[in-house]
Amino acid sequence: MASNTKATSVKRKNKQEKQGRRRKNRLAKKSTQSLTELFAGLGEPGKAAPVAAK
């Protein structure tokens, strides 16, 4: 039978791994831009693209 210390340390390790995975999943949820954000600099569809100011 495993000791209480060993069981506690395993639980702690698993909990920390889960926290890291949850953090990564939270960050990855918004990793890519939406289409409107991606093409926002090109102007409205069907119209000429805006000219960059010099």
C-alpha atoms as a PDB file:
ATOM      1  CA  MET A   1       0.000   0.000   0.000  1.00  0.00           C
ATOM      2  CA  ALA A   2       1.344   3.429  -0.927  1.00  0.00           C
ATOM      3  CA  SER A   3       2.236   5.928   1.751  1.00  0.00           C
ATOM      4  CA  ASN A   4       0.210   9.053   2.335  1.00  0.00           C
ATOM      5  CA  THR A   5       3.221  11.194   1.365  1.00  0.00           C
ATOM      6  CA  LYS A   6       3.594   9.430  -1.985  1.00  0.00           C
ATOM      7  CA  ALA A   7      -0.134   9.738  -2.728  1.00  0.00           C
ATOM      8  CA  THR A   8      -0.051  13.444  -1.868  1.00  0.00           C
ATOM      9  CA  SER A   9       2.984  14.135  -4.042  1.00  0.00           C
ATOM     10  CA  VAL A  10       1.425  12.330  -7.016  1.00  0.00           C
ATOM     11  CA  LYS A  11      -1.800  14.298  -6.594  1.00  0.00           C
ATOM     12  CA  ARG A  12       0.198  17.529  -6.455  1.00  0.00           C
ATOM     13  CA  LYS A  13       2.136  16.627  -9.622  1.00  0.00           C
ATOM     14  CA  ASN A  14      -1.069  15.770 -11.501  1.00  0.00           C
ATOM     15  CA  LYS A  15      -2.750  18.974 -10.333  1.00  0.00           C
ATOM     16  CA  GLN A  16       0.172  21.115 -11.508  1.00  0.00           C
ATOM     17  CA  GLU A  17       0.216  19.391 -14.907  1.00  0.00           C
ATOM     18  CA  LYS A  18      -3.519  19.992 -15.300  1.00  0.00           C
ATOM     19  CA  GLN A  19      -3.114  23.656 -14.369  1.00  0.00           C
ATOM     20  CA  GLY A  20      -0.437  24.068 -17.037  1.00  0.00           C
ATOM     21  CA  ARG A  21      -2.596  22.355 -19.640  1.00  0.00           C
ATOM     22  CA  ARG A  22      -5.587  24.531 -18.732  1.00  0.00           C
ATOM     23  CA  ARG A  23      -3.438  27.658 -18.992  1.00  0.00           C
ATOM     24  CA  LYS A  24      -2.134  26.616 -22.413  1.00  0.00           C
ATOM     25  CA  ASN A  25      -5.655  25.815 -23.624  1.00  0.00           C
ATOM     26  CA  ARG A  26      -6.871  29.209 -22.426  1.00  0.00           C
ATOM     27  CA  LEU A  27      -4.060  30.975 -24.295  1.00  0.00           C
ATOM     28  CA  ALA A  28      -4.554  28.912 -27.451  1.00  0.00           C
ATOM     29  CA  LYS A  29      -8.258  29.659 -27.639  1.00  0.00           C
ATOM     30  CA  LYS A  30      -7.568  33.052 -29.291  1.00  0.00           C
ATOM     31  CA  SER A  31      -4.353  32.264 -31.133  1.00  0.00           C
ATOM     32  CA  THR A  32      -5.554  33.127 -34.634  1.00  0.00           C
ATOM     33  CA  GLN A  33      -7.158  36.280 -35.935  1.00  0.00           C
ATOM     34  CA  SER A  34     -10.700  36.302 -37.251  1.00  0.00           C
ATOM     35  CA  LEU A  35     -11.279  37.056 -40.931  1.00  0.00           C
ATOM     36  CA  THR A  36     -12.421  40.601 -40.165  1.00  0.00           C
ATOM     37  CA  GLU A  37      -9.296  41.249 -38.080  1.00  0.00           C
ATOM     38  CA  LEU A  38      -7.048  39.630 -40.661  1.00  0.00           C
ATOM     39  CA  PHE A  39      -8.322  41.677 -43.613  1.00  0.00           C
ATOM     40  CA  ALA A  40      -9.164  44.900 -41.739  1.00  0.00           C
ATOM     41  CA  GLY A  41      -6.288  46.817 -43.342  1.00  0.00           C
ATOM     42  CA  LEU A  42      -7.510  46.083 -46.861  1.00  0.00           C
ATOM     43  CA  GLY A  43     -10.655  48.190 -46.642  1.00  0.00           C
ATOM     44  CA  GLU A  44     -14.230  47.261 -47.447  1.00  0.00           C
ATOM     45  CA  PRO A  45     -15.004  44.552 -50.015  1.00  0.00           C
ATOM     46  CA  GLY A  46     -15.634  45.894 -53.529  1.00  0.00           C
ATOM     47  CA  LYS A  47     -13.881  49.194 -52.898  1.00  0.00           C
ATOM     48  CA  ALA A  48     -10.310  50.279 -53.500  1.00  0.00           C
ATOM     49  CA  ALA A  49      -7.782  49.598 -50.790  1.00  0.00           C
ATOM     50  CA  PRO A  50      -6.824  52.589 -48.657  1.00  0.00           C
ATOM     51  CA  VAL A  51      -3.593  54.331 -49.657  1.00  0.00           C
ATOM     52  CA  ALA A  52      -0.894  54.400 -46.997  1.00  0.00           C
ATOM     53  CA  ALA A  53       0.029  57.932 -45.881  1.00  0.00           C
ATOM     54  CA  LYS A  54       3.665  58.961 -46.362  1.00  0.00           C
END
